[in-house]
Amino acid sequence: MNKGVRFAKINEYLPVWNDWEGILSRNHRAYAKRAFREATADPFFAPAGKEIWVCRYGQTVERRLAPFRKKGLEISGYLALKKEEREDKLPVRILEEKVGNLKGKAMILVMVGNLLGKKWIQDFLDRHSFKEGEDYLWMV
């Protein structure tokens, strides 16, 4: 992305996924979730001058963020649907109330796996003129 390459999301779902039970991606440790998370962190870079906010939080998200934190990524805060206190005291903002002042100042890493949740967040970000790749990224 830092060289001007554009990425896009295809808005179609793959109706059928055919896998052979012996396929390496299902059996080899190099394809384990942990290895995948570590591989995705390697090429990631935080945009200069922007805070990093994560949309969603919890144990699953913390596992996903671990390789990024090892690389030195600092999280400024979290976005959620309801206010909760975090043990590390990082702020949790209510997505609907306070996300507007992050536009242009932050990169939001969306770590929501639920399809309905993704659709709601996509619609919300679209309504508030956030641009994918510039203001937010979908993270696995």
Foldseek 3Di string as FASTA:
>chain_A
DVVPDDDDDDPDDDPDDDDDCPDCCNPPPCNDPLNVLLVVLVVDDFPPQAAEEEEDDDDVVCSSCVNNVVVPRDHQYYEYCDADADPVRRGYHHCVPPCLVRAPRHEYEYEDDDPVVVVVVVVVCVVSVHDEPRRYDYDD
